[in-house]
Amino acid sequence: MDKVFLTSLVNAPEGTIMYVSQVQGQPLLAHNPPLIEINPSIVDPTDGTKVACRATAAAKDWLAANNGAAPAATEAKVTGNYALITGAVLPPANKRGNPSGSGAPTKYPFADMEVGAMFFSANAEHKNKDAVKGLSSTVSMHNDKYSEQNVKDGQPEFKTVTRAVRDPVTKKAKLGDDGKKVTETVQLPVKKYNRKFTIRPVTGGNNYGNWTAPADGALIARIL
């Protein structure tokens, strides 16, 4: 919990616009009751990852009662640039599926996540301004990292899959002379997942359980 920042927020002159980063804001928003309110529509012109915020009525009371020590139940563990979130609820899955894309280079806390743990990544952190697209391949990579081939009756298990043949460079499906996709039938290993992660889009300012999204972006959760 950033007591210095919260103190400056409480003591800010009326009409002053102050901005908060994701890492600063998450513990303050996760506190019950929240110690700050955010306005994702107002972005710091000098730092596109910060949004406008103000102290709630509970902030002054918390400062007076706590000497800057955050209650253990609401303290967020930070790995790299990302804080693990507790108490959030994932939004419903997008039935159209999530597109794949290259992940951002920041270190993500997959290794530290227990079942039910989540972290938030803002759209503004990604070149394409789409956290779901930017992190989908990263989530898939970590699902594979914590998987192994399933064994059935003492033998490695495989499944038969018919799939489109893709160009090794463009990754696009190859088309035959008739204009239809060229397919191939292959044997693929059946995976057993020891850990499983998923990603969902979230909208800034909306509540997901007792957590409020600080900006448009994505929640990444460990579900297994």
C-alpha atoms as a PDB file:
ATOM      1  CA  MET A   1       0.000   0.000   0.000  1.00  0.00           C
ATOM      2  CA  ASP A   2       1.535   3.325  -1.067  1.00  0.00           C
ATOM      3  CA  LYS A   3       0.901   5.545   1.976  1.00  0.00           C
ATOM      4  CA  VAL A   4       2.906   8.475   0.560  1.00  0.00           C
ATOM      5  CA  PHE A   5       0.840   8.540  -2.626  1.00  0.00           C
ATOM      6  CA  LEU A   6      -2.443   8.123  -0.730  1.00  0.00           C
ATOM      7  CA  THR A   7      -1.484  10.971   1.637  1.00  0.00           C
ATOM      8  CA  SER A   8      -0.730  13.288  -1.293  1.00  0.00           C
ATOM      9  CA  LEU A   9      -4.058  12.309  -2.839  1.00  0.00           C
ATOM     10  CA  VAL A  10      -6.005  13.079   0.348  1.00  0.00           C
ATOM     11  CA  ASN A  11      -4.205  16.432   0.770  1.00  0.00           C
ATOM     12  CA  ALA A  12      -4.412  17.503  -2.890  1.00  0.00           C
ATOM     13  CA  PRO A  13      -6.059  20.932  -3.383  1.00  0.00           C
ATOM     14  CA  GLU A  14      -9.610  20.809  -4.698  1.00  0.00           C
ATOM     15  CA  GLY A  15      -9.662  20.693  -8.490  1.00  0.00           C
ATOM     16  CA  THR A  16      -6.193  19.108  -8.778  1.00  0.00           C
ATOM     17  CA  ILE A  17      -6.119  16.130 -11.145  1.00  0.00           C
ATOM     18  CA  MET A  18      -3.848  13.346  -9.952  1.00  0.00           C
ATOM     19  CA  TYR A  19      -3.007  10.144 -11.782  1.00  0.00           C
ATOM     20  CA  VAL A  20      -2.356   6.615 -10.596  1.00  0.00           C
ATOM     21  CA  SER A  21      -0.460   3.708 -12.164  1.00  0.00           C
ATOM     22  CA  GLN A  22      -1.726   0.138 -12.283  1.00  0.00           C
ATOM     23  CA  VAL A  23       0.691  -1.096  -9.612  1.00  0.00           C
ATOM     24  CA  GLN A  24      -0.045   1.840  -7.277  1.00  0.00           C
ATOM     25  CA  GLY A  25      -3.781   1.681  -7.794  1.00  0.00           C
ATOM     26  CA  GLN A  26      -4.603  -2.017  -7.464  1.00  0.00           C
ATOM     27  CA  PRO A  27      -4.019  -2.372  -3.682  1.00  0.00           C
ATOM     28  CA  LEU A  28      -5.932   0.868  -3.058  1.00  0.00           C
ATOM     29  CA  LEU A  29      -8.860  -0.265  -5.216  1.00  0.00           C
ATOM     30  CA  ALA A  30      -8.826  -3.796  -3.755  1.00  0.00           C
ATOM     31  CA  HIS A  31      -9.147  -2.520  -0.182  1.00  0.00           C
ATOM     32  CA  ASN A  32     -12.610  -2.921   1.348  1.00  0.00           C
ATOM     33  CA  PRO A  33     -13.883  -0.224   1.214  1.00  0.00           C
ATOM     34  CA  PRO A  34     -11.848   1.131  -1.752  1.00  0.00           C
ATOM     35  CA  LEU A  35      -9.461   3.943  -0.825  1.00  0.00           C
ATOM     36  CA  ILE A  36      -9.498   5.554  -4.282  1.00  0.00           C
ATOM     37  CA  GLU A  37     -11.815   6.041  -7.227  1.00  0.00           C
ATOM     38  CA  ILE A  38     -10.516   6.130 -10.812  1.00  0.00           C
ATOM     39  CA  ASN A  39     -11.702   7.714 -14.048  1.00  0.00           C
ATOM     40  CA  PRO A  40     -10.246   5.649 -16.932  1.00  0.00           C
ATOM     41  CA  SER A  41     -11.508   8.210 -19.479  1.00  0.00           C
ATOM     42  CA  ILE A  42      -8.923  10.747 -18.232  1.00  0.00           C
ATOM     43  CA  VAL A  43      -5.390   9.581 -19.064  1.00  0.00           C
ATOM     44  CA  ASP A  44      -2.146  11.222 -17.940  1.00  0.00           C
ATOM     45  CA  PRO A  45      -0.935  13.163 -21.024  1.00  0.00           C
ATOM     46  CA  THR A  46       2.701  12.515 -20.053  1.00  0.00           C
ATOM     47  CA  ASP A  47       2.232   8.806 -19.285  1.00  0.00           C
ATOM     48  CA  GLY A  48      -0.457   6.931 -21.199  1.00  0.00           C
ATOM     49  CA  THR A  49      -0.540   4.101 -18.640  1.00  0.00           C
ATOM     50  CA  LYS A  50      -1.843   6.248 -15.755  1.00  0.00           C
ATOM     51  CA  VAL A  51      -5.456   7.357 -15.223  1.00  0.00           C
ATOM     52  CA  ALA A  52      -7.095  10.075 -13.124  1.00  0.00           C
ATOM     53  CA  CYS A  53      -8.003   9.210  -9.550  1.00  0.00           C
ATOM     54  CA  ARG A  54      -9.195  10.698  -6.275  1.00  0.00           C
ATOM     55  CA  ALA A  55      -9.304   9.582  -2.647  1.00  0.00           C
ATOM     56  CA  THR A  56     -12.522   8.174  -1.226  1.00  0.00           C
ATOM     57  CA  ALA A  57     -13.969   9.139   2.142  1.00  0.00           C
ATOM     58  CA  ALA A  58     -12.434   5.968   3.583  1.00  0.00           C
ATOM     59  CA  ALA A  59      -8.887   7.010   2.655  1.00  0.00           C
ATOM     60  CA  LYS A  60      -8.501   9.659   5.362  1.00  0.00           C
ATOM     61  CA  ASP A  61      -9.867   7.287   8.010  1.00  0.00           C
ATOM     62  CA  TRP A  62      -7.481   4.540   6.897  1.00  0.00           C
ATOM     63  CA  LEU A  63      -4.475   6.878   7.054  1.00  0.00           C
ATOM     64  CA  ALA A  64      -5.449   8.009  10.545  1.00  0.00           C
ATOM     65  CA  ALA A  65      -5.841   4.436  11.787  1.00  0.00           C
ATOM     66  CA  ASN A  66      -2.993   2.582  10.125  1.00  0.00           C
ATOM     67  CA  ASN A  67       0.422   4.247  10.229  1.00  0.00           C
ATOM     68  CA  GLY A  68       0.825   3.251   6.598  1.00  0.00           C
ATOM     69  CA  ALA A  69       0.639  -0.506   7.190  1.00  0.00           C
ATOM     70  CA  ALA A  70      -1.863  -2.124   4.858  1.00  0.00           C
ATOM     71  CA  PRO A  71      -4.104  -4.882   6.250  1.00  0.00           C
ATOM     72  CA  ALA A  72      -2.607  -8.248   5.335  1.00  0.00           C
ATOM     73  CA  ALA A  73      -5.828  -9.471   3.713  1.00  0.00           C
ATOM     74  CA  THR A  74      -5.723  -6.760   1.057  1.00  0.00           C
ATOM     75  CA  GLU A  75      -1.966  -6.605   0.409  1.00  0.00           C
ATOM     76  CA  ALA A  76      -1.144  -7.496  -3.214  1.00  0.00           C
ATOM     77  CA  LYS A  77       1.982  -9.497  -4.059  1.00  0.00           C
ATOM     78  CA  VAL A  78       3.891  -7.809  -6.858  1.00  0.00           C
ATOM     79  CA  THR A  79       6.033  -9.731  -9.361  1.00  0.00           C
ATOM     80  CA  GLY A  80       7.821  -7.597 -11.917  1.00  0.00           C
ATOM     81  CA  ASN A  81       5.316  -4.909 -12.913  1.00  0.00           C
ATOM     82  CA  TYR A  82       2.231  -6.954 -12.054  1.00  0.00           C
ATOM     83  CA  ALA A  83       0.326  -7.354  -8.781  1.00  0.00           C
ATOM     84  CA  LEU A  84      -1.600 -10.559  -8.071  1.00  0.00           C
ATOM     85  CA  ILE A  85      -5.297  -9.809  -7.524  1.00  0.00           C
ATOM     86  CA  THR A  86      -7.521 -11.502  -4.947  1.00  0.00           C
ATOM     87  CA  GLY A  87     -11.307 -11.353  -4.838  1.00  0.00           C
ATOM     88  CA  ALA A  88     -11.840 -10.530  -8.535  1.00  0.00           C
ATOM     89  CA  VAL A  89     -14.348 -12.473 -10.667  1.00  0.00           C
ATOM     90  CA  LEU A  90     -13.594 -13.242 -14.315  1.00  0.00           C
ATOM     91  CA  PRO A  91     -16.131 -11.885 -16.833  1.00  0.00           C
ATOM     92  CA  PRO A  92     -17.893 -14.451 -19.069  1.00  0.00           C
ATOM     93  CA  ALA A  93     -15.766 -16.031 -21.787  1.00  0.00           C
ATOM     94  CA  ASN A  94     -15.902 -14.475 -25.243  1.00  0.00           C
ATOM     95  CA  LYS A  95     -17.698 -17.117 -27.314  1.00  0.00           C
ATOM     96  CA  ARG A  96     -15.901 -15.974 -30.445  1.00  0.00           C
ATOM     97  CA  GLY A  97     -12.582 -16.960 -28.883  1.00  0.00           C
ATOM     98  CA  ASN A  98      -9.463 -14.946 -28.296  1.00  0.00           C
ATOM     99  CA  PRO A  99      -7.084 -14.056 -31.124  1.00  0.00           C
ATOM    100  CA  SER A 100      -3.447 -15.009 -30.779  1.00  0.00           C
ATOM    101  CA  GLY A 101      -0.611 -12.537 -30.754  1.00  0.00           C
ATOM    102  CA  SER A 102       2.853 -11.929 -29.432  1.00  0.00           C
ATOM    103  CA  GLY A 103       3.131 -11.195 -25.729  1.00  0.00           C
ATOM    104  CA  ALA A 104       4.605  -8.009 -24.295  1.00  0.00           C
ATOM    105  CA  PRO A 105       8.172  -8.371 -23.013  1.00  0.00           C
ATOM    106  CA  THR A 106       7.306  -7.560 -19.386  1.00  0.00           C
ATOM    107  CA  LYS A 107       7.788 -10.322 -16.796  1.00  0.00           C
ATOM    108  CA  TYR A 108       4.433 -11.836 -15.851  1.00  0.00           C
ATOM    109  CA  PRO A 109       3.795 -13.633 -12.533  1.00  0.00           C
ATOM    110  CA  PHE A 110       2.599 -17.018 -13.887  1.00  0.00           C
ATOM    111  CA  ALA A 111       5.057 -18.955 -11.702  1.00  0.00           C
ATOM    112  CA  ASP A 112       3.733 -17.294  -8.515  1.00  0.00           C
ATOM    113  CA  MET A 113       0.037 -17.862  -9.198  1.00  0.00           C
ATOM    114  CA  GLU A 114      -2.059 -20.231  -7.108  1.00  0.00           C
ATOM    115  CA  VAL A 115      -5.436 -21.490  -8.366  1.00  0.00           C
ATOM    116  CA  GLY A 116      -7.817 -18.513  -8.440  1.00  0.00           C
ATOM    117  CA  ALA A 117      -5.036 -15.901  -8.574  1.00  0.00           C
ATOM    118  CA  MET A 118      -5.212 -13.270 -11.317  1.00  0.00           C
ATOM    119  CA  PHE A 119      -3.302 -10.299 -12.659  1.00  0.00           C
ATOM    120  CA  PHE A 120      -4.320  -7.356 -14.816  1.00  0.00           C
ATOM    121  CA  SER A 121      -2.658  -6.044 -17.978  1.00  0.00           C
ATOM    122  CA  ALA A 122      -3.856  -2.757 -19.502  1.00  0.00           C
ATOM    123  CA  ASN A 123      -4.435  -2.345 -23.231  1.00  0.00           C
ATOM    124  CA  ALA A 124      -2.119   0.670 -23.116  1.00  0.00           C
ATOM    125  CA  GLU A 125       0.850  -1.597 -22.306  1.00  0.00           C
ATOM    126  CA  HIS A 126       0.681  -3.304 -25.700  1.00  0.00           C
ATOM    127  CA  LYS A 127       1.735  -2.079 -29.112  1.00  0.00           C
ATOM    128  CA  ASN A 128      -1.611  -3.008 -30.655  1.00  0.00           C
ATOM    129  CA  LYS A 129      -3.527  -1.560 -27.651  1.00  0.00           C
ATOM    130  CA  ASP A 130      -5.194  -4.956 -27.123  1.00  0.00           C
ATOM    131  CA  ALA A 131      -4.059  -6.893 -24.050  1.00  0.00           C
ATOM    132  CA  VAL A 132      -6.091 -10.008 -24.959  1.00  0.00           C
ATOM    133  CA  LYS A 133      -4.520 -10.232 -28.404  1.00  0.00           C
ATOM    134  CA  GLY A 134      -1.094  -9.337 -27.065  1.00  0.00           C
ATOM    135  CA  LEU A 135      -1.105 -11.977 -24.308  1.00  0.00           C
ATOM    136  CA  SER A 136      -3.114 -14.880 -25.772  1.00  0.00           C
ATOM    137  CA  SER A 137      -0.017 -16.649 -27.103  1.00  0.00           C
ATOM    138  CA  THR A 138       1.783 -16.042 -23.795  1.00  0.00           C
ATOM    139  CA  VAL A 139      -1.094 -17.697 -21.908  1.00  0.00           C
ATOM    140  CA  SER A 140      -1.047 -20.643 -24.338  1.00  0.00           C
ATOM    141  CA  MET A 141       2.729 -20.956 -23.951  1.00  0.00           C
ATOM    142  CA  HIS A 142       2.411 -21.198 -20.160  1.00  0.00           C
ATOM    143  CA  ASN A 143      -0.407 -23.738 -20.447  1.00  0.00           C
ATOM    144  CA  ASP A 144       1.947 -25.870 -22.561  1.00  0.00           C
ATOM    145  CA  LYS A 145       4.838 -25.251 -20.155  1.00  0.00           C
ATOM    146  CA  TYR A 146       2.901 -26.850 -17.312  1.00  0.00           C
ATOM    147  CA  SER A 147       1.530 -29.758 -19.341  1.00  0.00           C
ATOM    148  CA  GLU A 148       2.675 -33.293 -20.135  1.00  0.00           C
ATOM    149  CA  GLN A 149       1.535 -36.031 -22.450  1.00  0.00           C
ATOM    150  CA  ASN A 150      -1.286 -38.068 -20.982  1.00  0.00           C
ATOM    151  CA  VAL A 151      -0.697 -41.775 -20.441  1.00  0.00           C
ATOM    152  CA  LYS A 152      -3.525 -44.296 -20.856  1.00  0.00           C
ATOM    153  CA  ASP A 153      -3.173 -48.006 -20.061  1.00  0.00           C
ATOM    154  CA  GLY A 154       0.548 -47.493 -19.708  1.00  0.00           C
ATOM    155  CA  GLN A 155       0.935 -45.979 -23.169  1.00  0.00           C
ATOM    156  CA  PRO A 156       1.250 -42.351 -24.358  1.00  0.00           C
ATOM    157  CA  GLU A 157      -2.188 -41.201 -25.553  1.00  0.00           C
ATOM    158  CA  PHE A 158      -2.732 -39.567 -28.964  1.00  0.00           C
ATOM    159  CA  LYS A 159      -5.736 -38.115 -30.763  1.00  0.00           C
ATOM    160  CA  THR A 160      -6.488 -37.935 -34.481  1.00  0.00           C
ATOM    161  CA  VAL A 161      -7.051 -34.381 -35.719  1.00  0.00           C
ATOM    162  CA  THR A 162      -7.897 -33.069 -39.183  1.00  0.00           C
ATOM    163  CA  ARG A 163      -6.600 -29.534 -39.596  1.00  0.00           C
ATOM    164  CA  ALA A 164      -5.817 -26.949 -42.247  1.00  0.00           C
ATOM    165  CA  VAL A 165      -2.330 -26.966 -43.730  1.00  0.00           C
ATOM    166  CA  ARG A 166      -0.684 -23.590 -43.065  1.00  0.00           C
ATOM    167  CA  ASP A 167       2.050 -21.757 -44.883  1.00  0.00           C
ATOM    168  CA  PRO A 168       5.180 -21.923 -42.663  1.00  0.00           C
ATOM    169  CA  VAL A 169       5.943 -18.229 -43.295  1.00  0.00           C
ATOM    170  CA  THR A 170       2.566 -16.442 -43.416  1.00  0.00           C
ATOM    171  CA  LYS A 171       0.795 -18.964 -41.124  1.00  0.00           C
ATOM    172  CA  LYS A 172      -2.261 -18.617 -43.379  1.00  0.00           C
ATOM    173  CA  ALA A 173      -4.246 -21.669 -44.461  1.00  0.00           C
ATOM    174  CA  LYS A 174      -3.166 -23.007 -47.854  1.00  0.00           C
ATOM    175  CA  LEU A 175      -5.815 -23.151 -50.584  1.00  0.00           C
ATOM    176  CA  GLY A 176      -6.099 -25.836 -53.228  1.00  0.00           C
ATOM    177  CA  ASP A 177      -6.817 -25.310 -56.928  1.00  0.00           C
ATOM    178  CA  ASP A 178     -10.523 -25.490 -56.093  1.00  0.00           C
ATOM    179  CA  GLY A 179     -10.203 -22.583 -53.666  1.00  0.00           C
ATOM    180  CA  LYS A 180     -10.848 -24.762 -50.631  1.00  0.00           C
ATOM    181  CA  LYS A 181      -8.538 -25.127 -47.676  1.00  0.00           C
ATOM    182  CA  VAL A 182      -6.001 -27.946 -47.899  1.00  0.00           C
ATOM    183  CA  THR A 183      -6.277 -30.255 -44.878  1.00  0.00           C
ATOM    184  CA  GLU A 184      -4.152 -32.929 -43.270  1.00  0.00           C
ATOM    185  CA  THR A 185      -4.893 -35.646 -40.708  1.00  0.00           C
ATOM    186  CA  VAL A 186      -2.316 -35.961 -37.966  1.00  0.00           C
ATOM    187  CA  GLN A 187      -1.778 -37.699 -34.649  1.00  0.00           C
ATOM    188  CA  LEU A 188      -1.297 -35.255 -31.762  1.00  0.00           C
ATOM    189  CA  PRO A 189      -0.440 -36.036 -28.136  1.00  0.00           C
ATOM    190  CA  VAL A 190      -3.272 -35.715 -25.618  1.00  0.00           C
ATOM    191  CA  LYS A 191      -2.085 -33.247 -22.990  1.00  0.00           C
ATOM    192  CA  LYS A 192      -2.544 -33.431 -19.257  1.00  0.00           C
ATOM    193  CA  TYR A 193      -2.491 -29.927 -17.758  1.00  0.00           C
ATOM    194  CA  ASN A 194      -0.887 -29.527 -14.349  1.00  0.00           C
ATOM    195  CA  ARG A 195      -1.653 -25.803 -14.428  1.00  0.00           C
ATOM    196  CA  LYS A 196      -4.157 -24.017 -16.637  1.00  0.00           C
ATOM    197  CA  PHE A 197      -4.475 -20.292 -17.340  1.00  0.00           C
ATOM    198  CA  THR A 198      -7.144 -18.275 -19.145  1.00  0.00           C
ATOM    199  CA  ILE A 199      -7.522 -14.670 -20.291  1.00  0.00           C
ATOM    200  CA  ARG A 200     -10.613 -12.443 -20.503  1.00  0.00           C
ATOM    201  CA  PRO A 201     -11.145  -8.816 -21.580  1.00  0.00           C
ATOM    202  CA  VAL A 202     -12.276  -6.301 -18.935  1.00  0.00           C
ATOM    203  CA  THR A 203     -13.586  -2.743 -19.175  1.00  0.00           C
ATOM    204  CA  GLY A 204     -12.063   0.088 -17.148  1.00  0.00           C
ATOM    205  CA  GLY A 205     -14.270   1.243 -14.269  1.00  0.00           C
ATOM    206  CA  ASN A 206     -16.366  -1.941 -14.212  1.00  0.00           C
ATOM    207  CA  ASN A 207     -16.496  -4.107 -11.095  1.00  0.00           C
ATOM    208  CA  TYR A 208     -15.518  -7.783 -11.280  1.00  0.00           C
ATOM    209  CA  GLY A 209     -16.257  -9.220  -7.866  1.00  0.00           C
ATOM    210  CA  ASN A 210     -14.738  -6.803  -5.339  1.00  0.00           C
ATOM    211  CA  TRP A 211     -12.094  -5.593  -7.823  1.00  0.00           C
ATOM    212  CA  THR A 212     -12.521  -2.608 -10.154  1.00  0.00           C
ATOM    213  CA  ALA A 213     -10.646  -2.606 -13.461  1.00  0.00           C
ATOM    214  CA  PRO A 214      -8.365   0.479 -13.478  1.00  0.00           C
ATOM    215  CA  ALA A 215      -8.480   0.658 -17.312  1.00  0.00           C
ATOM    216  CA  ASP A 216      -9.522  -1.338 -20.367  1.00  0.00           C
ATOM    217  CA  GLY A 217      -7.407  -4.475 -20.583  1.00  0.00           C
ATOM    218  CA  ALA A 218      -7.383  -8.129 -19.637  1.00  0.00           C
ATOM    219  CA  LEU A 219      -7.510 -10.344 -16.552  1.00  0.00           C
ATOM    220  CA  ILE A 220      -5.301 -13.424 -16.654  1.00  0.00           C
ATOM    221  CA  ALA A 221      -6.290 -16.136 -14.170  1.00  0.00           C
ATOM    222  CA  ARG A 222      -5.021 -19.535 -13.073  1.00  0.00           C
ATOM    223  CA  ILE A 223      -8.016 -21.895 -13.153  1.00  0.00           C
ATOM    224  CA  LEU A 224      -6.252 -25.241 -12.523  1.00  0.00           C
END
